[in-house]
Amino acid sequence: MPKNTEAANILIGQVDFLTERVMTLCRLESAALMGDLTEVAIPTRFVFVSLSPANTIEDREIWQASEIARSLAVLFSDKVCDNR
C-alpha cells in the first residue's frame, strides 16, 4: 500500500429502537487507528454510519442503506476525492 494510506469505514445496520433511518458521516481532523475496525492497520479518516429500523414491513430499508454505502465506497476510492 502507498505511504499515507487512510481508510474510510462504512458501517450499516438495523436496530429495533428506531422508527426512521439515521445516517452520519464524520471526517476526523487527523487519521487515527481504530483497533480492529479495519482488516489491516491503516489509520481511519472517515467514518460513515447508517442505522435503519429493524421492524419494517419491507426489506427495502437495508437494501437502500447498502446502496448508499456502496456509492460512498466508490466515491472514496476515486482519485477525484483524494484531497492530498
C-alpha atoms as a PDB file:
ATOM      1  CA  MET A   1       0.000   0.000   0.000  1.00  0.00           C
ATOM      2  CA  PRO A   2       1.183   3.521  -0.691  1.00  0.00           C
ATOM      3  CA  LYS A   3       2.575   5.606   2.138  1.00  0.00           C
ATOM      4  CA  ASN A   4      -0.032   7.837   3.857  1.00  0.00           C
ATOM      5  CA  THR A   5      -2.876   5.455   3.008  1.00  0.00           C
ATOM      6  CA  GLU A   6      -6.042   6.201   5.008  1.00  0.00           C
ATOM      7  CA  ALA A   7      -9.268   4.266   5.456  1.00  0.00           C
ATOM      8  CA  ALA A   8     -12.914   5.212   5.164  1.00  0.00           C
ATOM      9  CA  ASN A   9     -15.063   2.930   7.337  1.00  0.00           C
ATOM     10  CA  ILE A  10     -18.636   2.476   6.153  1.00  0.00           C
ATOM     11  CA  LEU A  11     -20.970   0.721   8.571  1.00  0.00           C
ATOM     12  CA  ILE A  12     -24.668  -0.133   8.107  1.00  0.00           C
ATOM     13  CA  GLY A  13     -27.073  -1.967  10.350  1.00  0.00           C
ATOM     14  CA  GLN A  14     -30.598  -2.371  11.657  1.00  0.00           C
ATOM     15  CA  VAL A  15     -31.803  -1.733  15.193  1.00  0.00           C
ATOM     16  CA  ASP A  16     -35.214  -2.247  16.755  1.00  0.00           C
ATOM     17  CA  PHE A  17     -35.423   1.091  18.622  1.00  0.00           C
ATOM     18  CA  LEU A  18     -35.540   3.404  15.565  1.00  0.00           C
ATOM     19  CA  THR A  19     -38.557   4.428  13.511  1.00  0.00           C
ATOM     20  CA  GLU A  20     -36.589   6.247  10.768  1.00  0.00           C
ATOM     21  CA  ARG A  21     -33.149   5.863   9.214  1.00  0.00           C
ATOM     22  CA  VAL A  22     -30.278   7.771  10.839  1.00  0.00           C
ATOM     23  CA  MET A  23     -27.033   8.478   8.956  1.00  0.00           C
ATOM     24  CA  THR A  24     -23.875  10.322   9.859  1.00  0.00           C
ATOM     25  CA  LEU A  25     -20.566  10.997   8.128  1.00  0.00           C
ATOM     26  CA  CYS A  26     -17.612  12.051  10.268  1.00  0.00           C
ATOM     27  CA  ARG A  27     -14.282  13.342   8.970  1.00  0.00           C
ATOM     28  CA  LEU A  28     -11.587  13.097  11.594  1.00  0.00           C
ATOM     29  CA  GLU A  29      -9.209  16.039  11.854  1.00  0.00           C
ATOM     30  CA  SER A  30      -6.307  13.631  11.963  1.00  0.00           C
ATOM     31  CA  ALA A  31      -6.464   9.989  10.903  1.00  0.00           C
ATOM     32  CA  ALA A  32      -6.489   7.533  13.805  1.00  0.00           C
ATOM     33  CA  LEU A  33      -6.032   3.793  14.257  1.00  0.00           C
ATOM     34  CA  MET A  34      -9.320   2.300  15.417  1.00  0.00           C
ATOM     35  CA  GLY A  35      -8.391  -1.101  16.749  1.00  0.00           C
ATOM     36  CA  ASP A  36      -9.727  -3.987  14.676  1.00  0.00           C
ATOM     37  CA  LEU A  37     -12.210  -1.899  12.671  1.00  0.00           C
ATOM     38  CA  THR A  38     -10.131  -2.403   9.527  1.00  0.00           C
ATOM     39  CA  GLU A  39      -8.565  -5.700   8.461  1.00  0.00           C
ATOM     40  CA  VAL A  40      -5.096  -4.153   8.335  1.00  0.00           C
ATOM     41  CA  ALA A  41      -3.559  -1.429  10.500  1.00  0.00           C
ATOM     42  CA  ILE A  42      -4.488   1.651   8.465  1.00  0.00           C
ATOM     43  CA  PRO A  43      -5.480   4.925  10.108  1.00  0.00           C
ATOM     44  CA  THR A  44      -9.126   5.940   9.576  1.00  0.00           C
ATOM     45  CA  ARG A  45     -10.019   9.394   8.248  1.00  0.00           C
ATOM     46  CA  PHE A  46     -13.759   8.990   7.511  1.00  0.00           C
ATOM     47  CA  VAL A  47     -16.498   7.070   9.343  1.00  0.00           C
ATOM     48  CA  PHE A  48     -19.989   6.669   7.864  1.00  0.00           C
ATOM     49  CA  VAL A  49     -22.743   5.003   9.904  1.00  0.00           C
ATOM     50  CA  SER A  50     -26.270   4.237   8.677  1.00  0.00           C
ATOM     51  CA  LEU A  51     -28.808   2.694  11.042  1.00  0.00           C
ATOM     52  CA  SER A  52     -32.253   1.614   9.829  1.00  0.00           C
ATOM     53  CA  PRO A  53     -35.282   0.391  11.763  1.00  0.00           C
ATOM     54  CA  ALA A  54     -35.377  -3.414  12.007  1.00  0.00           C
ATOM     55  CA  ASN A  55     -39.153  -3.726  12.258  1.00  0.00           C
ATOM     56  CA  THR A  56     -40.058  -2.740   8.715  1.00  0.00           C
ATOM     57  CA  ILE A  57     -42.642  -4.494   6.583  1.00  0.00           C
ATOM     58  CA  GLU A  58     -40.344  -4.469   3.569  1.00  0.00           C
ATOM     59  CA  ASP A  59     -36.635  -5.259   3.404  1.00  0.00           C
ATOM     60  CA  ARG A  60     -36.088  -2.101   1.335  1.00  0.00           C
ATOM     61  CA  GLU A  61     -34.519  -0.203   4.236  1.00  0.00           C
ATOM     62  CA  ILE A  62     -31.382  -2.332   4.479  1.00  0.00           C
ATOM     63  CA  TRP A  63     -31.127  -2.597   0.677  1.00  0.00           C
ATOM     64  CA  GLN A  64     -31.297   1.203   0.307  1.00  0.00           C
ATOM     65  CA  ALA A  65     -28.724   1.682   3.070  1.00  0.00           C
ATOM     66  CA  SER A  66     -26.350  -0.785   1.403  1.00  0.00           C
ATOM     67  CA  GLU A  67     -26.705   1.029  -1.933  1.00  0.00           C
ATOM     68  CA  ILE A  68     -25.862   4.347  -0.262  1.00  0.00           C
ATOM     69  CA  ALA A  69     -22.857   2.702   1.424  1.00  0.00           C
ATOM     70  CA  ARG A  70     -21.678   1.209  -1.856  1.00  0.00           C
ATOM     71  CA  SER A  71     -21.951   4.606  -3.568  1.00  0.00           C
ATOM     72  CA  LEU A  72     -19.869   6.207  -0.830  1.00  0.00           C
ATOM     73  CA  ALA A  73     -17.257   3.462  -1.119  1.00  0.00           C
ATOM     74  CA  VAL A  74     -16.927   4.141  -4.841  1.00  0.00           C
ATOM     75  CA  LEU A  75     -16.560   7.885  -4.203  1.00  0.00           C
ATOM     76  CA  PHE A  76     -13.904   7.344  -1.538  1.00  0.00           C
ATOM     77  CA  SER A  77     -11.920   5.048  -3.824  1.00  0.00           C
ATOM     78  CA  ASP A  78     -11.944   7.522  -6.735  1.00  0.00           C
ATOM     79  CA  LYS A  79      -8.808   9.617  -7.249  1.00  0.00           C
ATOM     80  CA  VAL A  80     -11.006  12.714  -7.715  1.00  0.00           C
ATOM     81  CA  CYS A  81     -11.888  12.527  -3.991  1.00  0.00           C
ATOM     82  CA  ASP A  82      -8.232  12.378  -2.931  1.00  0.00           C
ATOM     83  CA  ASN A  83      -7.591  15.692  -1.185  1.00  0.00           C
ATOM     84  CA  ARG A  84      -3.828  15.329  -0.800  1.00  0.00           C
END
